[in-house]
Amino acid sequence: MTEHSDHTGHTGHPSPFSGQDVQREVTELEQKSATAARIFDLRRIIGGLFVLYGIIVTITGITDSQAAIDKAQGVNINLWTGIGMLLLGIFFLAWLWLRPTPVPVPSEGAQGD
């Protein structure tokens, strides 16, 4: 004899999970997904790296000798590049702060029917 498949499961037996259990799991996964999206936002990574390297290059530019500046035709290229990197990194971090990653809104299909 063949068993008919319906909404209770593949074999007609009741599912071991209730609708509330499934909804709770979905909610937990959505929260974890939103947290991961905020942590791994590219603006945070790019901004943080540009600020870090900008600080290093700016310090190098401040401590450059006159001989190093003369090599760059009188321009303290490390200082100017470091300042530019700092400004770009601050821009990315400000952008992240002013326009944070939106929290995903649960779809109507995921809620109870």
C-alpha atoms as a PDB file:
ATOM      1  CA  MET A   1       0.000   0.000   0.000  1.00  0.00           C
ATOM      2  CA  THR A   2       1.160   3.463  -0.742  1.00  0.00           C
ATOM      3  CA  GLU A   3       0.791   6.269   1.721  1.00  0.00           C
ATOM      4  CA  HIS A   4      -0.383   9.631   0.495  1.00  0.00           C
ATOM      5  CA  SER A   5       1.716  12.736   1.094  1.00  0.00           C
ATOM      6  CA  ASP A   6      -0.015  15.776   2.576  1.00  0.00           C
ATOM      7  CA  HIS A   7       0.779  18.813   4.700  1.00  0.00           C
ATOM      8  CA  THR A   8       1.604  16.699   7.758  1.00  0.00           C
ATOM      9  CA  GLY A   9       4.744  15.191   6.234  1.00  0.00           C
ATOM     10  CA  HIS A  10       5.901  12.950   3.428  1.00  0.00           C
ATOM     11  CA  THR A  11       4.331   9.785   4.800  1.00  0.00           C
ATOM     12  CA  GLY A  12       1.140  11.101   6.340  1.00  0.00           C
ATOM     13  CA  HIS A  13       2.534  11.006   9.888  1.00  0.00           C
ATOM     14  CA  PRO A  14       2.363  14.199  11.940  1.00  0.00           C
ATOM     15  CA  SER A  15       5.494  16.366  11.908  1.00  0.00           C
ATOM     16  CA  PRO A  16       7.549  16.322  15.154  1.00  0.00           C
ATOM     17  CA  PHE A  17       7.884  20.118  14.955  1.00  0.00           C
ATOM     18  CA  SER A  18       5.033  22.486  15.660  1.00  0.00           C
ATOM     19  CA  GLY A  19       4.480  25.689  13.735  1.00  0.00           C
ATOM     20  CA  GLN A  20       5.701  27.664  16.745  1.00  0.00           C
ATOM     21  CA  ASP A  21       8.988  25.720  16.801  1.00  0.00           C
ATOM     22  CA  VAL A  22       9.561  26.398  13.123  1.00  0.00           C
ATOM     23  CA  GLN A  23       8.690  30.103  13.525  1.00  0.00           C
ATOM     24  CA  ARG A  24      11.065  30.408  16.484  1.00  0.00           C
ATOM     25  CA  GLU A  25      13.882  28.814  14.450  1.00  0.00           C
ATOM     26  CA  VAL A  26      13.192  31.133  11.519  1.00  0.00           C
ATOM     27  CA  THR A  27      13.259  34.176  13.829  1.00  0.00           C
ATOM     28  CA  GLU A  28      16.556  33.069  15.387  1.00  0.00           C
ATOM     29  CA  LEU A  29      18.136  32.527  11.955  1.00  0.00           C
ATOM     30  CA  GLU A  30      16.941  35.948  10.759  1.00  0.00           C
ATOM     31  CA  GLN A  31      18.508  37.589  13.832  1.00  0.00           C
ATOM     32  CA  LYS A  32      21.809  35.768  13.256  1.00  0.00           C
ATOM     33  CA  SER A  33      21.734  36.759   9.586  1.00  0.00           C
ATOM     34  CA  ALA A  34      21.152  40.430  10.441  1.00  0.00           C
ATOM     35  CA  THR A  35      24.030  40.352  12.948  1.00  0.00           C
ATOM     36  CA  ALA A  36      26.361  38.754  10.388  1.00  0.00           C
ATOM     37  CA  ALA A  37      25.352  41.348   7.786  1.00  0.00           C
ATOM     38  CA  ARG A  38      26.246  44.170  10.175  1.00  0.00           C
ATOM     39  CA  ILE A  39      29.552  42.602  11.238  1.00  0.00           C
ATOM     40  CA  PHE A  40      30.720  41.837   7.703  1.00  0.00           C
ATOM     41  CA  ASP A  41      29.511  45.088   6.114  1.00  0.00           C
ATOM     42  CA  LEU A  42      32.216  46.020   3.585  1.00  0.00           C
ATOM     43  CA  ARG A  43      32.098  49.653   4.671  1.00  0.00           C
ATOM     44  CA  ARG A  44      33.296  48.619   8.143  1.00  0.00           C
ATOM     45  CA  ILE A  45      36.134  46.490   6.765  1.00  0.00           C
ATOM     46  CA  ILE A  46      37.281  48.990   4.119  1.00  0.00           C
ATOM     47  CA  GLY A  47      36.951  51.971   6.468  1.00  0.00           C
ATOM     48  CA  GLY A  48      38.816  50.234   9.263  1.00  0.00           C
ATOM     49  CA  LEU A  49      41.688  49.188   7.010  1.00  0.00           C
ATOM     50  CA  PHE A  50      42.015  52.626   5.431  1.00  0.00           C
ATOM     51  CA  VAL A  51      42.080  54.287   8.864  1.00  0.00           C
ATOM     52  CA  LEU A  52      44.672  51.810  10.154  1.00  0.00           C
ATOM     53  CA  TYR A  53      46.966  52.126   7.127  1.00  0.00           C
ATOM     54  CA  GLY A  54      46.328  55.868   6.978  1.00  0.00           C
ATOM     55  CA  ILE A  55      47.626  56.256  10.532  1.00  0.00           C
ATOM     56  CA  ILE A  56      50.733  54.213   9.706  1.00  0.00           C
ATOM     57  CA  VAL A  57      51.495  56.126   6.485  1.00  0.00           C
ATOM     58  CA  THR A  58      50.791  59.514   8.127  1.00  0.00           C
ATOM     59  CA  ILE A  59      53.223  58.723  10.948  1.00  0.00           C
ATOM     60  CA  THR A  60      55.766  57.658   8.341  1.00  0.00           C
ATOM     61  CA  GLY A  61      55.221  60.969   6.521  1.00  0.00           C
ATOM     62  CA  ILE A  62      55.669  62.991   9.694  1.00  0.00           C
ATOM     63  CA  THR A  63      58.963  61.230  10.469  1.00  0.00           C
ATOM     64  CA  ASP A  64      60.321  61.263   6.877  1.00  0.00           C
ATOM     65  CA  SER A  65      63.802  62.686   6.397  1.00  0.00           C
ATOM     66  CA  GLN A  66      64.497  65.553   4.013  1.00  0.00           C
ATOM     67  CA  ALA A  67      66.272  63.097   1.686  1.00  0.00           C
ATOM     68  CA  ALA A  68      63.070  61.040   1.341  1.00  0.00           C
ATOM     69  CA  ILE A  69      61.065  64.201   0.612  1.00  0.00           C
ATOM     70  CA  ASP A  70      63.645  65.305  -1.971  1.00  0.00           C
ATOM     71  CA  LYS A  71      63.252  61.943  -3.756  1.00  0.00           C
ATOM     72  CA  ALA A  72      59.579  62.838  -4.328  1.00  0.00           C
ATOM     73  CA  GLN A  73      60.507  66.248  -5.846  1.00  0.00           C
ATOM     74  CA  GLY A  74      59.913  68.096  -2.592  1.00  0.00           C
ATOM     75  CA  VAL A  75      56.473  66.651  -1.849  1.00  0.00           C
ATOM     76  CA  ASN A  76      55.979  64.741   1.385  1.00  0.00           C
ATOM     77  CA  ILE A  77      54.078  62.008  -0.440  1.00  0.00           C
ATOM     78  CA  ASN A  78      53.730  59.752   2.622  1.00  0.00           C
ATOM     79  CA  LEU A  79      52.103  62.507   4.638  1.00  0.00           C
ATOM     80  CA  TRP A  80      49.621  63.463   1.912  1.00  0.00           C
ATOM     81  CA  THR A  81      48.812  59.844   1.062  1.00  0.00           C
ATOM     82  CA  GLY A  82      48.303  59.013   4.741  1.00  0.00           C
ATOM     83  CA  ILE A  83      45.967  61.973   5.223  1.00  0.00           C
ATOM     84  CA  GLY A  84      44.014  60.941   2.123  1.00  0.00           C
ATOM     85  CA  MET A  85      43.717  57.380   3.389  1.00  0.00           C
ATOM     86  CA  LEU A  86      42.556  58.605   6.788  1.00  0.00           C
ATOM     87  CA  LEU A  87      39.890  60.812   5.210  1.00  0.00           C
ATOM     88  CA  LEU A  88      38.654  57.978   2.995  1.00  0.00           C
ATOM     89  CA  GLY A  89      38.508  55.572   5.945  1.00  0.00           C
ATOM     90  CA  ILE A  90      36.633  58.113   8.060  1.00  0.00           C
ATOM     91  CA  PHE A  91      34.209  58.642   5.157  1.00  0.00           C
ATOM     92  CA  PHE A  92      33.418  54.909   4.994  1.00  0.00           C
ATOM     93  CA  LEU A  93      32.952  54.651   8.773  1.00  0.00           C
ATOM     94  CA  ALA A  94      30.760  57.783   8.847  1.00  0.00           C
ATOM     95  CA  TRP A  95      28.693  56.357   5.996  1.00  0.00           C
ATOM     96  CA  LEU A  96      28.237  53.162   7.991  1.00  0.00           C
ATOM     97  CA  TRP A  97      27.224  55.120  11.086  1.00  0.00           C
ATOM     98  CA  LEU A  98      24.830  57.453   9.257  1.00  0.00           C
ATOM     99  CA  ARG A  99      23.218  54.744   7.090  1.00  0.00           C
ATOM    100  CA  PRO A 100      23.489  51.426   8.952  1.00  0.00           C
ATOM    101  CA  THR A 101      22.600  48.133   7.333  1.00  0.00           C
ATOM    102  CA  PRO A 102      18.798  47.821   7.509  1.00  0.00           C
ATOM    103  CA  VAL A 103      17.387  44.967   9.535  1.00  0.00           C
ATOM    104  CA  PRO A 104      15.617  42.565   7.170  1.00  0.00           C
ATOM    105  CA  VAL A 105      11.854  42.609   7.576  1.00  0.00           C
ATOM    106  CA  PRO A 106      10.361  39.114   7.782  1.00  0.00           C
ATOM    107  CA  SER A 107       8.323  38.276   4.719  1.00  0.00           C
ATOM    108  CA  GLU A 108       4.598  37.701   5.081  1.00  0.00           C
ATOM    109  CA  GLY A 109       5.000  34.116   3.852  1.00  0.00           C
ATOM    110  CA  ALA A 110       7.314  33.294   6.782  1.00  0.00           C
ATOM    111  CA  GLN A 111       4.694  34.288   9.352  1.00  0.00           C
ATOM    112  CA  GLY A 112       1.927  31.971  10.466  1.00  0.00           C
ATOM    113  CA  ASP A 113      -0.812  31.305   7.914  1.00  0.00           C
END
